[in-house]
Amino acid sequence: MNLQPIIDQALRFVGPPVLNTYKRLTTSTGGDALTGRYGSVTTADTLLDPQPIYRQLGKDAEVLNAVGLAVSGTTYEFLVSSTALSDVELAQKNLSLVQKDAAGTQVLAFKIVGFTPVQGFGKNLTFKIFADVVTR
């Protein structure tokens, strides 16, 4: 049984969100990795489809810290379909999430601090992504 189309449809039904969420891939070339100065930095933003559901953890962070995930009350939890992001992409250190308003202006940027797959029938259906705000 393929649940992925049903999950994607449910995520689309809940939206659209106020802010659109994008995956951001940052590429650095040249420079000195030891000092952290790079010659050229480029970013590529790709709109996630379907859009994820997200919330700020608040007091739920205490429970997640108890099971070994280092998060704070200001950490956000995103529920993202596996058709929008794969586990291979999520493992990349140069991947982050950004949220933009309807005009395409960046409002928030997030650093991914952890993720867990939600599985069914031996497949990743969605991911719970935990991310900290790095800019407002």
N, C-alpha and C. Protein backbone atom coordinates (compact mmCIF):
# COMPACT_ATOMS: atom_id res chain seq x y z
N MET A 1 0.84 -1.18 0.00
CA MET A 1 0.00 0.00 0.00
C MET A 1 0.89 1.24 0.00
N ASN A 2 0.60 2.18 -0.88
CA ASN A 2 1.38 3.41 -0.98
C ASN A 2 0.66 4.55 -0.27
N LEU A 3 1.12 4.89 0.92
CA LEU A 3 0.51 5.95 1.72
C LEU A 3 1.01 7.34 1.35
N GLN A 4 2.11 7.42 0.59
CA GLN A 4 2.73 8.72 0.33
C GLN A 4 1.78 9.73 -0.33
N PRO A 5 1.00 9.37 -1.34
CA PRO A 5 0.09 10.35 -1.93
C PRO A 5 -0.96 10.86 -0.93
N ILE A 6 -1.40 9.99 -0.04
CA ILE A 6 -2.40 10.38 0.96
C ILE A 6 -1.79 11.37 1.95
N ILE A 7 -0.55 11.09 2.38
CA ILE A 7 0.13 11.99 3.30
C ILE A 7 0.38 13.35 2.65
N ASP A 8 0.86 13.34 1.41
CA ASP A 8 1.10 14.60 0.70
C ASP A 8 -0.18 15.41 0.55
N GLN A 9 -1.28 14.74 0.23
CA GLN A 9 -2.57 15.42 0.09
C GLN A 9 -3.02 16.02 1.42
N ALA A 10 -2.81 15.30 2.51
CA ALA A 10 -3.18 15.81 3.84
C ALA A 10 -2.36 17.04 4.20
N LEU A 11 -1.07 17.03 3.89
CA LEU A 11 -0.23 18.20 4.16
C LEU A 11 -0.68 19.41 3.33
N ARG A 12 -1.08 19.17 2.08
CA ARG A 12 -1.57 20.27 1.24
C ARG A 12 -2.91 20.81 1.76
N PHE A 13 -3.73 19.92 2.31
CA PHE A 13 -5.04 20.31 2.82
C PHE A 13 -4.91 21.23 4.03
N VAL A 14 -3.96 20.95 4.90
CA VAL A 14 -3.76 21.74 6.11
C VAL A 14 -3.28 23.14 5.76
N GLY A 15 -2.45 23.28 4.73
CA GLY A 15 -1.90 24.59 4.32
C GLY A 15 -2.95 25.41 3.62
N PRO A 16 -2.60 26.47 2.97
CA PRO A 16 -1.24 26.95 2.82
C PRO A 16 -0.79 27.72 4.05
N PRO A 17 0.50 27.64 4.36
CA PRO A 17 1.02 28.35 5.52
C PRO A 17 1.14 29.84 5.25
N VAL A 18 1.31 30.61 6.31
CA VAL A 18 1.50 32.06 6.17
C VAL A 18 2.83 32.34 5.48
N LEU A 19 3.87 31.59 5.88
CA LEU A 19 5.19 31.72 5.27
C LEU A 19 5.52 30.47 4.49
N ASN A 20 6.11 30.63 3.31
CA ASN A 20 6.52 29.49 2.51
C ASN A 20 7.88 29.00 2.98
N THR A 21 8.04 27.69 3.08
CA THR A 21 9.29 27.09 3.54
C THR A 21 10.07 26.56 2.35
N TYR A 22 11.37 26.89 2.33
CA TYR A 22 12.29 26.48 1.28
C TYR A 22 13.44 25.70 1.89
N LYS A 23 14.00 24.78 1.11
CA LYS A 23 15.27 24.18 1.51
C LYS A 23 16.36 25.02 0.86
N ARG A 24 17.41 25.30 1.63
CA ARG A 24 18.52 26.12 1.14
C ARG A 24 19.79 25.28 1.14
N LEU A 25 20.41 25.18 -0.03
CA LEU A 25 21.68 24.49 -0.17
C LEU A 25 22.75 25.56 -0.36
N THR A 26 23.72 25.58 0.54
CA THR A 26 24.79 26.58 0.50
C THR A 26 26.07 25.91 0.01
N THR A 27 26.71 26.52 -1.00
CA THR A 27 27.94 25.99 -1.56
C THR A 27 29.04 27.04 -1.42
N SER A 28 30.19 26.61 -0.89
CA SER A 28 31.33 27.50 -0.71
C SER A 28 32.48 27.02 -1.58
N THR A 29 33.16 27.97 -2.23
CA THR A 29 34.32 27.62 -3.05
C THR A 29 35.46 28.56 -2.70
N GLY A 30 36.67 28.04 -2.79
CA GLY A 30 37.85 28.86 -2.51
C GLY A 30 37.95 29.21 -1.04
N GLY A 31 38.87 30.11 -0.72
CA GLY A 31 39.00 30.57 0.65
C GLY A 31 39.77 29.62 1.53
N ASP A 32 39.64 29.82 2.84
CA ASP A 32 40.38 29.05 3.84
C ASP A 32 39.40 28.44 4.84
N ALA A 33 39.26 27.14 4.78
CA ALA A 33 38.32 26.45 5.68
C ALA A 33 38.75 26.54 7.14
N LEU A 34 40.05 26.66 7.39
CA LEU A 34 40.56 26.73 8.74
C LEU A 34 40.10 28.01 9.45
N THR A 35 40.12 29.12 8.74
CA THR A 35 39.68 30.40 9.33
C THR A 35 38.19 30.65 9.13
N GLY A 36 37.56 29.84 8.28
CA GLY A 36 36.14 30.02 8.03
C GLY A 36 35.82 31.10 7.02
N ARG A 37 36.81 31.59 6.33
CA ARG A 37 36.59 32.61 5.28
C ARG A 37 36.59 31.92 3.93
N TYR A 38 35.55 32.17 3.17
CA TYR A 38 35.41 31.53 1.88
C TYR A 38 35.47 32.57 0.77
N GLY A 39 35.99 32.15 -0.36
CA GLY A 39 36.11 33.06 -1.49
C GLY A 39 34.77 33.40 -2.10
N SER A 40 33.92 32.41 -2.25
CA SER A 40 32.62 32.62 -2.89
C SER A 40 31.59 31.71 -2.23
N VAL A 41 30.47 32.28 -1.83
CA VAL A 41 29.39 31.51 -1.23
C VAL A 41 28.13 31.72 -2.06
N THR A 42 27.52 30.62 -2.49
CA THR A 42 26.27 30.72 -3.25
C THR A 42 25.20 29.90 -2.54
N THR A 43 23.97 30.35 -2.67
CA THR A 43 22.85 29.61 -2.09
C THR A 43 21.81 29.35 -3.17
N ALA A 44 21.14 28.23 -3.04
CA ALA A 44 20.04 27.88 -3.94
C ALA A 44 18.84 27.49 -3.08
N ASP A 45 17.74 28.22 -3.24
CA ASP A 45 16.52 27.94 -2.48
C ASP A 45 15.52 27.21 -3.36
N THR A 46 14.95 26.13 -2.82
CA THR A 46 13.95 25.34 -3.53
C THR A 46 12.71 25.23 -2.65
N LEU A 47 11.57 25.64 -3.20
CA LEU A 47 10.30 25.58 -2.46
C LEU A 47 9.94 24.12 -2.16
N LEU A 48 9.61 23.84 -0.90
CA LEU A 48 9.20 22.48 -0.53
C LEU A 48 7.77 22.24 -0.98
N ASP A 49 7.54 21.08 -1.60
CA ASP A 49 6.21 20.72 -2.07
C ASP A 49 5.96 19.26 -1.73
N PRO A 50 4.99 18.98 -0.89
CA PRO A 50 4.05 19.90 -0.24
C PRO A 50 4.73 20.69 0.88
N GLN A 51 4.13 21.81 1.23
CA GLN A 51 4.64 22.65 2.31
C GLN A 51 4.52 21.90 3.64
N PRO A 52 5.53 22.03 4.50
CA PRO A 52 5.48 21.34 5.78
C PRO A 52 4.55 22.02 6.78
N ILE A 53 4.21 21.28 7.79
CA ILE A 53 3.51 21.82 8.96
C ILE A 53 4.59 22.09 9.99
N TYR A 54 4.50 23.21 10.70
CA TYR A 54 5.55 23.52 11.66
C TYR A 54 4.97 24.18 12.90
N ARG A 55 5.75 24.10 14.00
CA ARG A 55 5.36 24.73 15.26
C ARG A 55 6.60 24.96 16.09
N GLN A 56 6.51 25.92 17.01
CA GLN A 56 7.58 26.14 17.96
C GLN A 56 7.37 25.18 19.13
N LEU A 57 8.44 24.53 19.60
CA LEU A 57 8.31 23.47 20.60
C LEU A 57 7.83 23.95 21.96
N GLY A 58 8.35 25.08 22.45
CA GLY A 58 7.95 25.56 23.77
C GLY A 58 8.28 24.55 24.84
N LYS A 59 7.31 24.22 25.69
CA LYS A 59 7.55 23.31 26.82
C LYS A 59 7.78 21.86 26.39
N ASP A 60 7.38 21.50 25.17
CA ASP A 60 7.62 20.14 24.69
C ASP A 60 9.11 19.84 24.54
N ALA A 61 9.94 20.88 24.52
CA ALA A 61 11.39 20.68 24.39
C ALA A 61 11.95 19.89 25.56
N GLU A 62 11.36 20.03 26.73
CA GLU A 62 11.84 19.30 27.91
C GLU A 62 11.75 17.79 27.70
N VAL A 63 10.68 17.34 27.07
CA VAL A 63 10.50 15.91 26.81
C VAL A 63 11.53 15.42 25.82
N LEU A 64 11.79 16.19 24.76
CA LEU A 64 12.77 15.78 23.76
C LEU A 64 14.18 15.78 24.33
N ASN A 65 14.49 16.71 25.21
CA ASN A 65 15.80 16.72 25.86
C ASN A 65 15.97 15.48 26.72
N ALA A 66 14.90 14.99 27.31
CA ALA A 66 14.95 13.80 28.16
C ALA A 66 15.32 12.55 27.36
N VAL A 67 15.01 12.53 26.07
CA VAL A 67 15.35 11.37 25.24
C VAL A 67 16.62 11.58 24.43
N GLY A 68 17.36 12.66 24.73
CA GLY A 68 18.67 12.84 24.14
C GLY A 68 18.78 13.79 22.98
N LEU A 69 17.73 14.51 22.62
CA LEU A 69 17.81 15.48 21.54
C LEU A 69 17.97 16.86 22.16
N ALA A 70 19.05 17.54 21.86
CA ALA A 70 19.36 18.84 22.46
C ALA A 70 18.60 19.95 21.74
N VAL A 71 17.44 20.31 22.28
CA VAL A 71 16.62 21.38 21.70
C VAL A 71 16.21 22.34 22.81
N SER A 72 15.74 23.51 22.41
CA SER A 72 15.27 24.50 23.39
C SER A 72 13.82 24.83 23.10
N GLY A 73 13.23 25.66 23.93
CA GLY A 73 11.84 26.05 23.73
C GLY A 73 11.64 26.89 22.48
N THR A 74 12.72 27.47 21.96
CA THR A 74 12.61 28.27 20.73
C THR A 74 12.86 27.45 19.47
N THR A 75 13.19 26.17 19.64
CA THR A 75 13.39 25.28 18.50
C THR A 75 12.05 25.03 17.81
N TYR A 76 12.08 24.94 16.48
CA TYR A 76 10.88 24.63 15.70
C TYR A 76 10.91 23.16 15.28
N GLU A 77 9.72 22.58 15.19
CA GLU A 77 9.56 21.22 14.67
C GLU A 77 8.79 21.32 13.36
N PHE A 78 9.36 20.76 12.30
CA PHE A 78 8.73 20.74 10.98
C PHE A 78 8.34 19.30 10.66
N LEU A 79 7.15 19.09 10.16
CA LEU A 79 6.73 17.79 9.65
C LEU A 79 6.78 17.90 8.13
N VAL A 80 7.77 17.22 7.52
CA VAL A 80 8.05 17.36 6.09
C VAL A 80 7.84 16.03 5.40
N SER A 81 7.18 16.05 4.27
CA SER A 81 6.98 14.84 3.47
C SER A 81 8.31 14.36 2.91
N SER A 82 8.45 13.05 2.78
CA SER A 82 9.68 12.50 2.21
C SER A 82 9.76 12.75 0.70
N THR A 83 8.69 13.22 0.08
CA THR A 83 8.77 13.62 -1.33
C THR A 83 9.37 15.02 -1.46
N ALA A 84 9.34 15.81 -0.39
CA ALA A 84 9.92 17.15 -0.41
C ALA A 84 11.39 17.14 -0.02
N LEU A 85 11.78 16.28 0.90
CA LEU A 85 13.17 16.15 1.37
C LEU A 85 13.46 14.68 1.63
N SER A 86 14.65 14.26 1.28
CA SER A 86 15.05 12.86 1.55
C SER A 86 16.00 12.82 2.74
N ASP A 87 16.21 11.62 3.28
CA ASP A 87 17.14 11.47 4.39
C ASP A 87 18.57 11.79 3.96
N VAL A 88 18.90 11.54 2.70
CA VAL A 88 20.24 11.87 2.18
C VAL A 88 20.44 13.38 2.19
N GLU A 89 19.43 14.14 1.75
CA GLU A 89 19.53 15.60 1.78
C GLU A 89 19.64 16.12 3.21
N LEU A 90 18.84 15.55 4.11
CA LEU A 90 18.84 16.01 5.49
C LEU A 90 20.17 15.77 6.20
N ALA A 91 20.94 14.80 5.75
CA ALA A 91 22.23 14.50 6.36
C ALA A 91 23.32 15.48 5.92
N GLN A 92 23.06 16.29 4.92
CA GLN A 92 24.06 17.25 4.43
C GLN A 92 24.20 18.41 5.40
N LYS A 93 25.44 18.76 5.71
CA LYS A 93 25.72 19.86 6.65
C LYS A 93 25.41 21.22 6.05
N ASN A 94 25.38 21.33 4.73
CA ASN A 94 25.16 22.62 4.08
C ASN A 94 23.69 22.84 3.70
N LEU A 95 22.79 22.07 4.30
CA LEU A 95 21.36 22.23 4.06
C LEU A 95 20.72 22.94 5.24
N SER A 96 19.88 23.92 4.96
CA SER A 96 19.13 24.62 6.00
C SER A 96 17.73 24.89 5.47
N LEU A 97 16.89 25.45 6.32
CA LEU A 97 15.53 25.82 5.93
C LEU A 97 15.39 27.32 6.05
N VAL A 98 14.64 27.92 5.13
CA VAL A 98 14.32 29.34 5.22
C VAL A 98 12.83 29.51 4.98
N GLN A 99 12.27 30.56 5.57
CA GLN A 99 10.87 30.89 5.34
C GLN A 99 10.80 32.27 4.74
N LYS A 100 9.95 32.39 3.72
CA LYS A 100 9.79 33.65 3.01
C LYS A 100 8.32 34.03 2.99
N ASP A 101 8.06 35.34 2.91
CA ASP A 101 6.69 35.81 2.80
C ASP A 101 6.23 35.70 1.34
N ALA A 102 5.02 36.16 1.06
CA ALA A 102 4.45 36.03 -0.28
C ALA A 102 5.25 36.80 -1.33
N ALA A 103 5.96 37.86 -0.92
CA ALA A 103 6.77 38.65 -1.85
C ALA A 103 8.13 38.02 -2.11
N GLY A 104 8.46 36.93 -1.41
CA GLY A 104 9.74 36.27 -1.59
C GLY A 104 10.84 36.80 -0.70
N THR A 105 10.49 37.64 0.27
CA THR A 105 11.46 38.19 1.20
C THR A 105 11.70 37.21 2.34
N GLN A 106 12.98 36.92 2.60
CA GLN A 106 13.30 35.99 3.69
C GLN A 106 12.91 36.59 5.02
N VAL A 107 12.17 35.82 5.81
CA VAL A 107 11.72 36.25 7.13
C VAL A 107 12.50 35.52 8.23
N LEU A 108 12.66 34.21 8.08
CA LEU A 108 13.37 33.40 9.07
C LEU A 108 14.32 32.43 8.37
N ALA A 109 15.44 32.14 9.02
CA ALA A 109 16.37 31.11 8.56
C ALA A 109 16.60 30.14 9.72
N PHE A 110 16.71 28.87 9.41
CA PHE A 110 16.82 27.83 10.42
C PHE A 110 18.03 26.94 10.17
N LYS A 111 18.70 26.56 11.24
CA LYS A 111 19.76 25.55 11.19
C LYS A 111 19.15 24.24 11.68
N ILE A 112 19.28 23.20 10.89
CA ILE A 112 18.74 21.89 11.27
C ILE A 112 19.63 21.28 12.35
N VAL A 113 19.01 20.93 13.49
CA VAL A 113 19.78 20.36 14.61
C VAL A 113 19.52 18.86 14.77
N GLY A 114 18.52 18.34 14.09
CA GLY A 114 18.23 16.91 14.16
C GLY A 114 16.97 16.57 13.39
N PHE A 115 16.82 15.30 13.07
CA PHE A 115 15.60 14.84 12.40
C PHE A 115 15.37 13.37 12.71
N THR A 116 14.11 12.98 12.65
CA THR A 116 13.76 11.57 12.83
C THR A 116 12.75 11.19 11.75
N PRO A 117 12.90 10.03 11.14
CA PRO A 117 11.93 9.60 10.14
C PRO A 117 10.66 9.04 10.79
N VAL A 118 9.55 9.23 10.12
CA VAL A 118 8.29 8.59 10.50
C VAL A 118 8.03 7.57 9.41
N GLN A 119 8.03 6.29 9.78
CA GLN A 119 7.99 5.23 8.79
C GLN A 119 6.68 4.46 8.80
N GLY A 120 6.38 3.89 7.64
CA GLY A 120 5.24 3.01 7.49
C GLY A 120 5.52 2.05 6.35
N PHE A 121 5.23 0.78 6.53
CA PHE A 121 5.46 -0.24 5.52
C PHE A 121 6.91 -0.25 5.05
N GLY A 122 7.84 0.02 5.96
CA GLY A 122 9.26 -0.03 5.65
C GLY A 122 9.79 1.15 4.86
N LYS A 123 9.00 2.22 4.73
CA LYS A 123 9.44 3.39 3.96
C LYS A 123 9.36 4.64 4.84
N ASN A 124 10.23 5.61 4.56
CA ASN A 124 10.13 6.91 5.21
C ASN A 124 8.96 7.66 4.58
N LEU A 125 7.97 8.00 5.39
CA LEU A 125 6.80 8.74 4.88
C LEU A 125 6.95 10.23 5.11
N THR A 126 7.38 10.59 6.31
CA THR A 126 7.64 11.99 6.64
C THR A 126 8.88 12.05 7.53
N PHE A 127 9.34 13.26 7.77
CA PHE A 127 10.43 13.49 8.71
C PHE A 127 10.00 14.56 9.70
N LYS A 128 10.34 14.34 10.96
CA LYS A 128 10.24 15.39 11.96
C LYS A 128 11.62 16.05 12.00
N ILE A 129 11.65 17.31 11.60
CA ILE A 129 12.91 18.05 11.56
C ILE A 129 12.90 19.06 12.69
N PHE A 130 13.98 19.10 13.45
CA PHE A 130 14.13 20.05 14.54
C PHE A 130 15.15 21.09 14.11
N ALA A 131 14.77 22.37 14.17
CA ALA A 131 15.63 23.44 13.66
C ALA A 131 15.57 24.67 14.55
N ASP A 132 16.74 25.29 14.73
CA ASP A 132 16.85 26.51 15.52
C ASP A 132 16.87 27.72 14.60
N VAL A 133 16.24 28.80 15.02
CA VAL A 133 16.24 30.04 14.27
C VAL A 133 17.64 30.65 14.35
N VAL A 134 18.19 31.01 13.18
CA VAL A 134 19.50 31.67 13.17
C VAL A 134 19.40 33.14 12.76
N THR A 135 18.34 33.54 12.06
CA THR A 135 18.10 34.95 11.74
C THR A 135 16.62 35.23 11.76
N ARG A 136 16.30 36.47 12.04
CA ARG A 136 14.91 36.93 11.98
C ARG A 136 14.82 38.08 11.00
